[in-house]
């Protein structure tokens, strides 16, 4: 489960308001729609994405006479956090129907893990506030300490490790942003997109109730279209991906490899008898088939991948994507079950 726009904060308004205010403070405004287009990433990565919007980049350079740099990213991120923490607890009401649905799932023995674009310190505000209002998860994973946040699958894999779940066949990812859909598909998990109450719809409950039925259906159809386009783009990427070159020698313990389509290096901890490899990327361990990895055979390749991994961890975000061969994603409103 995702959090804002999926389980709590109907319409996903807490981060939107903080992003808008953080850029308004320097006289370079961003719109709510621009922030929503990148929602689901780690928050510092979204700041970077907003600075990369052509209009925002041009306005910043016109105002300050120079391109935005990393110091500007960190300054806006600091302002974002200041605004967010001042109001975050106010955006922790469970979305109608979620508490009852989660209770019904638990009654069937289903455990509830969660992933988020919030940091651990942000979730330290959200978790107790949501629990006090009746919504609690069995596990909460944030991007802190992982090789990357969404759309990479590491938070899903960390949930699986914490629950000792042996297969993605037993996992369903449920979220309300394009980044959520990509996260689930990259993890090869069943992936379900939220429409009502979502960031992609971007409406309050009152706005949903007051819209004419035909207009609401049209907006919901547009959300479904965007979610399905994100899925289709990943499948097209997978189909076009170049074959993985065969290594010049058998992969051994101590080697450095990368998964197909992933820019983060992983160390080989073990070579199993069934042909699979136990890998470690950052703090995350995973088991994959040897045919799914590319052996990094030169010192230059290995050093470059380590630099990329360090940069990604420092950012607590990134755009790592894994060849999914994934299941089809779908749209489902669990509150209607």
Protein backbone atom coordinates (compact mmCIF):
# COMPACT_ATOMS: atom_id res chain seq x y z
CA UNK A 1 0.00 0.00 0.00
CA UNK A 2 1.04 3.54 -0.74
CA UNK A 3 0.11 6.27 1.75
CA UNK A 4 -0.99 9.76 0.61
CA UNK A 5 -3.75 9.53 -1.99
CA UNK A 6 -4.13 5.79 -1.44
CA UNK A 7 -4.69 5.12 2.27
CA UNK A 8 -4.78 8.61 3.80
CA UNK A 9 -5.03 12.22 2.58
CA UNK A 10 -7.85 11.97 0.04
CA UNK A 11 -6.62 13.57 -3.20
CA UNK A 12 -2.99 13.71 -1.99
CA UNK A 13 -2.86 17.37 -0.97
CA UNK A 14 -0.18 17.56 1.75
CA UNK A 15 2.90 17.27 -0.50
CA UNK A 16 1.32 19.30 -3.31
CA UNK A 17 0.82 22.32 -1.06
CA UNK A 18 4.37 22.06 0.31
CA UNK A 19 5.95 21.84 -3.15
CA UNK A 20 3.96 24.82 -4.40
CA UNK A 21 4.88 26.92 -1.37
CA UNK A 22 8.58 25.99 -1.48
CA UNK A 23 8.93 27.35 -5.03
CA UNK A 24 6.66 30.35 -4.42
CA UNK A 25 9.08 31.43 -1.71
CA UNK A 26 11.76 32.21 -4.34
CA UNK A 27 9.37 33.76 -6.82
CA UNK A 28 9.48 30.85 -9.26
CA UNK A 29 6.00 29.34 -8.99
CA UNK A 30 5.09 25.79 -9.88
CA UNK A 31 1.53 24.63 -10.38
CA UNK A 32 -0.30 21.88 -8.55
CA UNK A 33 -0.56 19.98 -11.84
CA UNK A 34 3.22 20.15 -12.32
CA UNK A 35 3.85 18.75 -8.84
CA UNK A 36 1.29 15.98 -9.32
CA UNK A 37 2.97 14.84 -12.55
CA UNK A 38 6.01 13.71 -10.53
CA UNK A 39 4.28 12.57 -7.34
CA UNK A 40 5.40 9.28 -5.83
CA UNK A 41 9.12 9.90 -6.22
CA UNK A 42 11.20 10.70 -3.17
CA UNK A 43 10.57 14.32 -2.31
CA UNK A 44 14.09 15.54 -3.11
CA UNK A 45 13.85 13.81 -6.50
CA UNK A 46 10.59 15.60 -7.16
CA UNK A 47 12.31 18.91 -6.41
CA UNK A 48 14.89 18.00 -9.06
CA UNK A 49 12.14 17.04 -11.50
CA UNK A 50 10.38 20.37 -10.94
CA UNK A 51 13.60 22.31 -11.61
CA UNK A 52 13.94 20.34 -14.87
CA UNK A 53 10.59 21.55 -16.23
CA UNK A 54 11.51 23.84 -19.12
CA UNK A 55 9.27 26.70 -17.96
CA UNK A 56 10.58 26.52 -14.39
CA UNK A 57 14.19 26.28 -15.55
CA UNK A 58 13.80 29.33 -17.79
CA UNK A 59 12.02 31.37 -15.11
CA UNK A 60 14.74 30.56 -12.55
CA UNK A 61 17.51 31.55 -14.95
CA UNK A 62 15.69 34.79 -15.86
CA UNK A 63 15.25 35.69 -12.20
CA UNK A 64 18.68 34.67 -10.87
CA UNK A 65 20.89 34.89 -13.97
CA UNK A 66 22.21 31.36 -13.65
CA UNK A 67 21.05 27.75 -13.89
CA UNK A 68 19.71 26.08 -10.77
CA UNK A 69 22.26 23.90 -9.01
CA UNK A 70 22.27 21.28 -6.30
CA UNK A 71 22.39 23.95 -3.61
CA UNK A 72 19.09 25.30 -4.96
CA UNK A 73 17.59 21.80 -4.93
CA UNK A 74 18.58 21.34 -1.29
CA UNK A 75 17.32 24.81 -0.35
CA UNK A 76 13.88 24.12 -1.88
CA UNK A 77 13.86 20.69 -0.24
CA UNK A 78 14.54 22.29 3.14
CA UNK A 79 11.68 24.74 2.58
CA UNK A 80 9.42 21.91 1.41
CA UNK A 81 10.12 20.02 4.63
CA UNK A 82 9.49 23.09 6.77
CA UNK A 83 6.07 23.62 5.19
CA UNK A 84 5.20 19.93 5.13
CA UNK A 85 6.06 19.24 8.77
CA UNK A 86 3.97 22.23 9.86
CA UNK A 87 0.81 20.65 8.45
CA UNK A 88 1.51 16.96 7.78
CA UNK A 89 -0.46 15.61 10.75
CA UNK A 90 -3.55 17.38 9.41
CA UNK A 91 -3.41 15.21 6.26
CA UNK A 92 -3.54 11.79 7.91
CA UNK A 93 -7.26 11.04 7.85
CA UNK A 94 -7.87 7.58 6.35
CA UNK A 95 -9.64 7.63 2.99
CA UNK A 96 -13.24 6.37 3.43
CA UNK A 97 -13.49 2.60 3.16
CA UNK A 98 -9.78 1.89 3.69
CA UNK A 99 -9.95 0.97 7.38
CA UNK A 100 -12.82 -1.46 6.81
CA UNK A 101 -11.14 -3.01 3.76
CA UNK A 102 -7.82 -3.50 5.53
CA UNK A 103 -9.65 -5.13 8.43
CA UNK A 104 -11.36 -7.54 6.03
CA UNK A 105 -8.04 -8.40 4.37
CA UNK A 106 -6.37 -9.05 7.73
CA UNK A 107 -9.23 -11.36 8.66
CA UNK A 108 -8.16 -13.47 5.66
CA UNK A 109 -4.56 -13.63 6.91
CA UNK A 110 -3.25 -11.00 4.49
CA UNK A 111 -0.47 -8.79 5.81
CA UNK A 112 -0.28 -5.12 4.89
CA UNK A 113 3.07 -3.67 3.92
CA UNK A 114 3.59 -0.14 2.67
CA UNK A 115 5.92 1.99 0.58
CA UNK A 116 6.08 5.75 0.29
CA UNK A 117 7.82 8.77 -1.17
CA UNK A 118 8.01 10.22 2.35
CA UNK A 119 11.19 9.88 4.41
CA UNK A 120 11.30 8.06 7.74
CA UNK A 121 11.11 11.33 9.67
CA UNK A 122 7.97 12.27 7.73
CA UNK A 123 6.43 8.87 8.40
CA UNK A 124 7.23 9.33 12.09
CA UNK A 125 4.50 11.98 11.94
CA UNK A 126 2.09 10.11 9.66
CA UNK A 127 2.20 6.65 11.28
CA UNK A 128 1.03 7.49 14.82
CA UNK A 129 -1.51 10.02 13.58
CA UNK A 130 -3.06 7.54 11.13
CA UNK A 131 -3.01 4.78 13.76
CA UNK A 132 -4.90 6.99 16.17
CA UNK A 133 -7.55 7.42 13.47
CA UNK A 134 -7.89 3.68 12.90
CA UNK A 135 -5.46 2.94 10.04
CA UNK A 136 -2.29 0.95 10.65
CA UNK A 137 -0.01 -1.21 8.51
CA UNK A 138 2.06 -4.23 9.48
CA UNK A 139 5.23 -2.82 7.93
CA UNK A 140 6.31 0.57 6.62
CA UNK A 141 9.31 0.91 4.31
CA UNK A 142 10.71 4.30 3.28
CA UNK A 143 13.45 5.03 0.72
CA UNK A 144 15.97 5.77 3.49
CA UNK A 145 18.99 3.50 3.23
CA UNK A 146 17.87 1.81 0.00
CA UNK A 147 19.61 2.14 -3.39
CA UNK A 148 16.69 4.18 -4.76
CA UNK A 149 13.09 5.13 -4.20
CA UNK A 150 10.34 4.77 -6.78
CA UNK A 151 10.08 3.81 -9.56
CA UNK A 152 12.70 1.26 -8.48
CA UNK A 153 11.27 -1.82 -6.72
CA UNK A 154 13.49 -1.87 -3.64
CA UNK A 155 10.84 -0.81 -1.13
CA UNK A 156 8.61 -3.67 -2.28
CA UNK A 157 11.52 -6.10 -2.00
CA UNK A 158 12.32 -4.80 1.50
CA UNK A 159 8.72 -5.46 2.55
CA UNK A 160 9.03 -8.97 1.14
CA UNK A 161 12.24 -9.54 3.08
CA UNK A 162 10.74 -8.19 6.32
CA UNK A 163 7.72 -10.49 5.91
CA UNK A 164 9.83 -13.43 4.63
CA UNK A 165 7.66 -13.63 1.50
CA UNK A 166 9.46 -15.88 -1.01
CA UNK A 167 7.78 -14.80 -4.25
CA UNK A 168 6.27 -11.74 -5.91
CA UNK A 169 3.40 -14.05 -6.87
CA UNK A 170 2.19 -13.37 -3.31
CA UNK A 171 2.43 -9.57 -3.56
CA UNK A 172 -0.06 -6.96 -4.77
CA UNK A 173 1.10 -3.36 -5.11
CA UNK A 174 -1.64 -0.71 -4.69
CA UNK A 175 -1.00 2.98 -5.31
CA UNK A 176 -2.30 6.20 -6.80
CA UNK A 177 0.59 7.67 -8.85
CA UNK A 178 2.42 6.83 -12.07
CA UNK A 179 5.50 6.16 -9.93
CA UNK A 180 3.49 3.60 -7.93
CA UNK A 181 2.52 1.77 -11.10
CA UNK A 182 6.13 1.71 -12.29
CA UNK A 183 7.31 0.52 -8.87
CA UNK A 184 4.92 -2.41 -8.91
CA UNK A 185 5.63 -3.44 -12.49
CA UNK A 186 9.39 -3.13 -11.96
CA UNK A 187 9.00 -5.50 -8.99
CA UNK A 188 7.01 -7.94 -11.20
CA UNK A 189 4.18 -7.76 -8.68
CA UNK A 190 0.44 -7.60 -9.32
CA UNK A 191 -0.08 -3.85 -9.67
CA UNK A 192 -3.32 -1.97 -9.06
CA UNK A 193 -3.92 1.73 -9.64
CA UNK A 194 -6.21 3.94 -7.55
CA UNK A 195 -8.62 6.33 -9.24
CA UNK A 196 -10.99 7.87 -6.65
CA UNK A 197 -9.10 9.80 -3.98
CA UNK A 198 -5.88 9.60 -5.96
CA UNK A 199 -3.15 12.10 -6.76
CA UNK A 200 -3.89 11.52 -10.44
CA UNK A 201 -7.53 12.59 -10.02
CA UNK A 202 -6.48 15.40 -7.67
CA UNK A 203 -9.92 16.22 -6.28
CA UNK A 204 -11.25 16.61 -2.74
CA UNK A 205 -14.20 14.50 -1.59
CA UNK A 206 -16.39 17.58 -1.83
CA UNK A 207 -15.30 18.22 -5.42
CA UNK A 208 -15.95 14.60 -6.35
CA UNK A 209 -19.44 14.79 -4.83
CA UNK A 210 -20.31 18.04 -6.58
CA UNK A 211 -19.12 17.17 -10.09
CA UNK A 212 -21.75 16.20 -12.65
CA UNK A 213 -21.68 12.44 -13.18
CA UNK A 214 -20.57 12.66 -16.81
CA UNK A 215 -17.67 15.00 -15.98
CA UNK A 216 -16.51 12.79 -13.11
CA UNK A 217 -16.57 9.72 -15.34
CA UNK A 218 -14.57 11.59 -17.99
CA UNK A 219 -11.93 12.56 -15.43
CA UNK A 220 -11.75 9.03 -14.06
CA UNK A 221 -11.34 7.70 -17.62
CA UNK A 222 -8.42 10.10 -18.13
CA UNK A 223 -6.74 8.78 -14.97
CA UNK A 224 -7.17 5.20 -16.20
CA UNK A 225 -5.67 6.21 -19.55
CA UNK A 226 -2.56 7.72 -17.91
CA UNK A 227 -2.05 4.69 -15.67
CA UNK A 228 -2.37 2.31 -18.61
CA UNK A 229 0.00 4.41 -20.72
CA UNK A 230 2.61 4.15 -17.96
CA UNK A 231 2.19 0.38 -17.96
CA UNK A 232 2.40 0.19 -21.75
CA UNK A 233 5.58 2.28 -21.80
CA UNK A 234 7.29 -0.17 -19.45
CA UNK A 235 6.23 -3.15 -21.52
CA UNK A 236 7.52 -1.42 -24.66
CA UNK A 237 10.82 -0.75 -22.90
CA UNK A 238 11.10 -4.42 -22.00
CA UNK A 239 10.39 -5.53 -25.55
CA UNK A 240 13.06 -3.19 -26.95
CA UNK A 241 15.72 -4.00 -24.37
CA UNK A 242 18.94 -5.38 -25.76
CA UNK A 243 19.87 -8.98 -24.92
CA UNK A 244 22.12 -9.46 -21.90
CA UNK A 245 25.63 -10.37 -23.09
CA UNK A 246 26.97 -13.71 -21.88
CA UNK A 247 29.85 -13.36 -19.40
CA UNK A 248 33.32 -14.39 -20.52
CA UNK A 249 33.54 -16.67 -17.45
CA UNK A 250 31.17 -18.10 -14.83
CA UNK A 251 29.91 -15.55 -12.30
CA UNK A 252 31.49 -16.11 -8.89
CA UNK A 253 31.18 -14.86 -5.31
CA UNK A 254 32.75 -11.42 -5.06
CA UNK A 255 31.86 -10.37 -8.60
CA UNK A 256 29.95 -7.18 -9.34
CA UNK A 257 26.89 -7.40 -11.60
CA UNK A 258 23.91 -5.33 -12.69
CA UNK A 259 20.36 -6.42 -13.41
CA UNK A 260 19.04 -5.78 -16.89
CA UNK A 261 17.99 -2.13 -17.13
CA UNK A 262 19.28 -1.21 -13.66
CA UNK A 263 21.95 1.43 -13.14
CA UNK A 264 22.91 0.25 -9.64
CA UNK A 265 25.71 -2.26 -9.11
CA UNK A 266 25.14 -5.33 -6.95
CA UNK A 267 27.67 -7.60 -5.26
CA UNK A 268 27.41 -11.37 -5.65
CA UNK A 269 27.19 -12.88 -2.14
CA UNK A 270 26.48 -16.49 -3.17
CA UNK A 271 26.08 -18.71 -6.22
CA UNK A 272 23.30 -21.17 -5.48
CA UNK A 273 23.05 -24.73 -6.71
CA UNK A 274 19.91 -23.99 -8.72
CA UNK A 275 21.70 -21.40 -10.85
CA UNK A 276 20.43 -18.35 -8.96
CA UNK A 277 22.57 -15.65 -7.39
CA UNK A 278 22.26 -13.95 -4.01
CA UNK A 279 22.98 -10.25 -4.59
CA UNK A 280 23.35 -7.20 -2.37
CA UNK A 281 22.70 -3.65 -3.59
CA UNK A 282 23.10 -1.14 -0.78
CA UNK A 283 21.29 -2.69 2.21
CA UNK A 284 18.99 -4.77 0.01
CA UNK A 285 19.58 -8.46 -0.68
CA UNK A 286 17.79 -10.32 -3.47
CA UNK A 287 17.93 -13.64 -5.30
CA UNK A 288 17.84 -13.59 -9.12
CA UNK A 289 18.59 -15.92 -12.01
CA UNK A 290 22.13 -15.69 -13.36
CA UNK A 291 20.72 -15.08 -16.85
CA UNK A 292 19.11 -11.86 -15.60
CA UNK A 293 22.38 -10.10 -14.75
CA UNK A 294 25.30 -8.65 -16.64
CA UNK A 295 28.77 -9.28 -15.26
CA UNK A 296 30.84 -6.12 -14.88
CA UNK A 297 34.22 -7.35 -16.04
CA UNK A 298 36.48 -4.31 -15.92
CA UNK A 299 37.62 -2.15 -13.01
CA UNK A 300 36.39 0.93 -14.88
CA UNK A 301 32.85 -0.47 -15.21
CA UNK A 302 32.73 -1.43 -11.56
CA UNK A 303 34.00 1.95 -10.37
CA UNK A 304 31.49 3.81 -12.54
CA UNK A 305 28.58 1.71 -11.24
CA UNK A 306 29.68 2.28 -7.64
CA UNK A 307 29.72 6.04 -8.23
CA UNK A 308 26.22 5.88 -9.70
CA UNK A 309 24.99 3.82 -6.75
CA UNK A 310 26.51 6.24 -4.22
CA UNK A 311 24.90 9.18 -6.00
CA UNK A 312 21.53 7.42 -6.05
CA UNK A 313 21.69 6.56 -2.34
CA UNK A 314 22.70 10.11 -1.46
CA UNK A 315 19.66 11.39 -3.28
CA UNK A 316 17.34 8.77 -1.72
CA UNK A 317 15.74 8.57 -5.11
CA UNK A 318 16.47 7.93 -8.78
CA UNK A 319 15.11 6.42 -11.90
CA UNK A 320 16.27 2.85 -11.62
CA UNK A 321 14.06 0.49 -13.55
CA UNK A 322 14.10 -3.28 -13.81
CA UNK A 323 13.14 -5.43 -16.77
CA UNK A 324 9.79 -6.52 -15.49
CA UNK A 325 8.20 -9.10 -17.75
CA UNK A 326 5.39 -7.94 -15.53
CA UNK A 327 1.76 -8.73 -15.09
CA UNK A 328 -0.80 -6.29 -16.38
CA UNK A 329 -1.67 -3.49 -14.00
CA UNK A 330 -5.30 -2.71 -13.34
CA UNK A 331 -7.54 -0.10 -11.80
CA UNK A 332 -9.49 -1.05 -8.73
CA UNK A 333 -11.09 0.95 -5.96
CA UNK A 334 -10.70 -1.26 -2.89
CA UNK A 335 -13.22 0.88 -1.04
CA UNK A 336 -15.84 -0.55 -3.38
CA UNK A 337 -15.15 -4.20 -2.54
